[in-house]
Amino acid sequence: MSDLEQAVELAGAAERDISALRGMGDATVFADEIFGFHVQQAAEKLFRAWLASQGETYPLSHDLAALSDMLSTGGADVARFNGLVDYTRYAVRLRYAGAQGD
């Protein structure tokens, strides 16, 4: 799969997470960790798509700061996405540990 094809595939997966987020406006139905997980997943996939579109190899990591740093090191202006790195805590570990943490 080419870098561009991979970027398009990842962007499509991120769009599905974003679509789910649009339906999660009722906090009485969707717990913070469920909403946060989908934000984290969408950001992770979009950062990976961005890296792939630049021909970069990205790590298989849920760490949004690490992915953002890779983009920044490559010259991308990621400043407007800095707030997303806080959602790293909602990655897989917290999702399966529940609201109490592990």
C-alpha atoms as a PDB file:
ATOM      1  CA  MET A   1       0.000   0.000   0.000  1.00  0.00           C
ATOM      2  CA  SER A   2       1.383   3.401  -0.929  1.00  0.00           C
ATOM      3  CA  ASP A   3       1.822   6.160   1.620  1.00  0.00           C
ATOM      4  CA  LEU A   4      -1.050   8.091   0.056  1.00  0.00           C
ATOM      5  CA  GLU A   5      -3.363   5.060   0.088  1.00  0.00           C
ATOM      6  CA  GLN A   6      -2.494   4.471   3.732  1.00  0.00           C
ATOM      7  CA  ALA A   7      -3.162   8.136   4.535  1.00  0.00           C
ATOM      8  CA  VAL A   8      -6.579   7.972   2.841  1.00  0.00           C
ATOM      9  CA  GLU A   9      -7.463   4.763   4.689  1.00  0.00           C
ATOM     10  CA  LEU A  10      -6.481   6.252   8.052  1.00  0.00           C
ATOM     11  CA  ALA A  11      -8.362   9.482   7.343  1.00  0.00           C
ATOM     12  CA  GLY A  12     -11.482   7.449   6.527  1.00  0.00           C
ATOM     13  CA  ALA A  13     -11.166   5.542   9.806  1.00  0.00           C
ATOM     14  CA  ALA A  14     -10.765   8.849  11.667  1.00  0.00           C
ATOM     15  CA  GLU A  15     -13.892  10.198   9.969  1.00  0.00           C
ATOM     16  CA  ARG A  16     -15.867   7.236  11.333  1.00  0.00           C
ATOM     17  CA  ASP A  17     -14.670   8.106  14.862  1.00  0.00           C
ATOM     18  CA  ILE A  18     -15.570  11.756  14.304  1.00  0.00           C
ATOM     19  CA  SER A  19     -19.008  10.705  13.068  1.00  0.00           C
ATOM     20  CA  ALA A  20     -19.495   8.700  16.271  1.00  0.00           C
ATOM     21  CA  LEU A  21     -18.444  11.752  18.307  1.00  0.00           C
ATOM     22  CA  ARG A  22     -21.142  13.834  16.653  1.00  0.00           C
ATOM     23  CA  GLY A  23     -23.707  11.440  18.093  1.00  0.00           C
ATOM     24  CA  MET A  24     -22.269  11.554  21.609  1.00  0.00           C
ATOM     25  CA  GLY A  25     -23.517  14.962  22.676  1.00  0.00           C
ATOM     26  CA  ASP A  26     -25.559  13.599  25.579  1.00  0.00           C
ATOM     27  CA  ALA A  27     -23.176  13.168  28.529  1.00  0.00           C
ATOM     28  CA  THR A  28     -25.891  11.309  30.453  1.00  0.00           C
ATOM     29  CA  VAL A  29     -25.703   8.521  27.863  1.00  0.00           C
ATOM     30  CA  PHE A  30     -21.996   8.518  26.979  1.00  0.00           C
ATOM     31  CA  ALA A  31     -19.380   8.381  29.713  1.00  0.00           C
ATOM     32  CA  ASP A  32     -16.382  10.711  29.483  1.00  0.00           C
ATOM     33  CA  GLU A  33     -14.008   7.811  28.839  1.00  0.00           C
ATOM     34  CA  ILE A  34     -16.075   6.643  25.840  1.00  0.00           C
ATOM     35  CA  PHE A  35     -16.164  10.139  24.339  1.00  0.00           C
ATOM     36  CA  GLY A  36     -12.472  10.677  25.174  1.00  0.00           C
ATOM     37  CA  PHE A  37     -11.523   7.347  23.609  1.00  0.00           C
ATOM     38  CA  HIS A  38     -13.098   8.323  20.289  1.00  0.00           C
ATOM     39  CA  VAL A  39     -11.429  11.760  20.357  1.00  0.00           C
ATOM     40  CA  GLN A  40      -8.080  10.064  21.020  1.00  0.00           C
ATOM     41  CA  GLN A  41      -8.637   7.504  18.274  1.00  0.00           C
ATOM     42  CA  ALA A  42      -9.662  10.120  15.707  1.00  0.00           C
ATOM     43  CA  ALA A  43      -6.637  12.294  16.545  1.00  0.00           C
ATOM     44  CA  GLU A  44      -4.273   9.313  16.461  1.00  0.00           C
ATOM     45  CA  LYS A  45      -5.530   8.210  13.051  1.00  0.00           C
ATOM     46  CA  LEU A  46      -5.397  11.740  11.645  1.00  0.00           C
ATOM     47  CA  PHE A  47      -1.840  12.275  12.931  1.00  0.00           C
ATOM     48  CA  ARG A  48      -0.823   8.945  11.390  1.00  0.00           C
ATOM     49  CA  ALA A  49      -2.553   9.875   8.109  1.00  0.00           C
ATOM     50  CA  TRP A  50      -0.667  13.178   8.117  1.00  0.00           C
ATOM     51  CA  LEU A  51       2.634  11.380   8.705  1.00  0.00           C
ATOM     52  CA  ALA A  52       1.874   8.776   6.036  1.00  0.00           C
ATOM     53  CA  SER A  53       0.972  11.501   3.531  1.00  0.00           C
ATOM     54  CA  GLN A  54       4.460  12.901   4.100  1.00  0.00           C
ATOM     55  CA  GLY A  55       6.037   9.496   3.511  1.00  0.00           C
ATOM     56  CA  GLU A  56       6.956   9.117   7.183  1.00  0.00           C
ATOM     57  CA  THR A  57       6.899   5.837   9.055  1.00  0.00           C
ATOM     58  CA  TYR A  58       5.033   6.252  12.328  1.00  0.00           C
ATOM     59  CA  PRO A  59       5.240   4.156  15.494  1.00  0.00           C
ATOM     60  CA  LEU A  60       2.385   1.935  16.591  1.00  0.00           C
ATOM     61  CA  SER A  61       1.764   4.100  19.629  1.00  0.00           C
ATOM     62  CA  HIS A  62      -1.296   5.727  21.145  1.00  0.00           C
ATOM     63  CA  ASP A  63       0.848   8.619  22.424  1.00  0.00           C
ATOM     64  CA  LEU A  64      -0.534  11.712  20.697  1.00  0.00           C
ATOM     65  CA  ALA A  65       2.355  13.859  21.963  1.00  0.00           C
ATOM     66  CA  ALA A  66       4.874  11.536  20.302  1.00  0.00           C
ATOM     67  CA  LEU A  67       2.966  11.593  17.011  1.00  0.00           C
ATOM     68  CA  SER A  68       2.575  15.370  17.213  1.00  0.00           C
ATOM     69  CA  ASP A  69       6.292  15.747  17.932  1.00  0.00           C
ATOM     70  CA  MET A  70       7.107  13.666  14.849  1.00  0.00           C
ATOM     71  CA  LEU A  71       4.959  15.959  12.733  1.00  0.00           C
ATOM     72  CA  SER A  72       6.531  19.058  14.257  1.00  0.00           C
ATOM     73  CA  THR A  73      10.043  17.708  13.735  1.00  0.00           C
ATOM     74  CA  GLY A  74       9.120  17.177  10.087  1.00  0.00           C
ATOM     75  CA  GLY A  75       8.153  20.838   9.774  1.00  0.00           C
ATOM     76  CA  ALA A  76       4.378  20.588  10.219  1.00  0.00           C
ATOM     77  CA  ASP A  77       2.587  23.345  12.124  1.00  0.00           C
ATOM     78  CA  VAL A  78       0.740  21.335  14.770  1.00  0.00           C
ATOM     79  CA  ALA A  79       0.278  24.117  17.354  1.00  0.00           C
ATOM     80  CA  ARG A  80      -3.500  24.280  16.867  1.00  0.00           C
ATOM     81  CA  PHE A  81      -3.722  20.573  17.776  1.00  0.00           C
ATOM     82  CA  ASN A  82      -1.743  20.788  21.033  1.00  0.00           C
ATOM     83  CA  GLY A  83      -4.887  20.363  23.147  1.00  0.00           C
ATOM     84  CA  LEU A  84      -5.497  16.948  21.638  1.00  0.00           C
ATOM     85  CA  VAL A  85      -2.449  15.422  23.334  1.00  0.00           C
ATOM     86  CA  ASP A  86      -4.403  15.495  26.619  1.00  0.00           C
ATOM     87  CA  TYR A  87      -6.681  12.810  25.181  1.00  0.00           C
ATOM     88  CA  THR A  88      -3.832  10.275  25.158  1.00  0.00           C
ATOM     89  CA  ARG A  89      -5.011   9.234  28.620  1.00  0.00           C
ATOM     90  CA  TYR A  90      -8.215   7.904  27.049  1.00  0.00           C
ATOM     91  CA  ALA A  91      -6.343   5.442  24.869  1.00  0.00           C
ATOM     92  CA  VAL A  92      -6.835   1.709  25.210  1.00  0.00           C
ATOM     93  CA  ARG A  93      -5.471   1.350  28.757  1.00  0.00           C
ATOM     94  CA  LEU A  94      -8.043   3.692  30.321  1.00  0.00           C
ATOM     95  CA  ARG A  95     -10.853   2.453  28.110  1.00  0.00           C
ATOM     96  CA  TYR A  96     -10.552  -1.072  29.442  1.00  0.00           C
ATOM     97  CA  ALA A  97      -9.793  -0.003  33.007  1.00  0.00           C
ATOM     98  CA  GLY A  98     -13.010   2.012  33.208  1.00  0.00           C
ATOM     99  CA  ALA A  99     -13.605   5.347  34.839  1.00  0.00           C
ATOM    100  CA  GLN A 100     -11.662   4.414  37.983  1.00  0.00           C
ATOM    101  CA  GLY A 101      -8.365   3.859  36.152  1.00  0.00           C
ATOM    102  CA  ASP A 102      -6.225   0.777  36.668  1.00  0.00           C
END
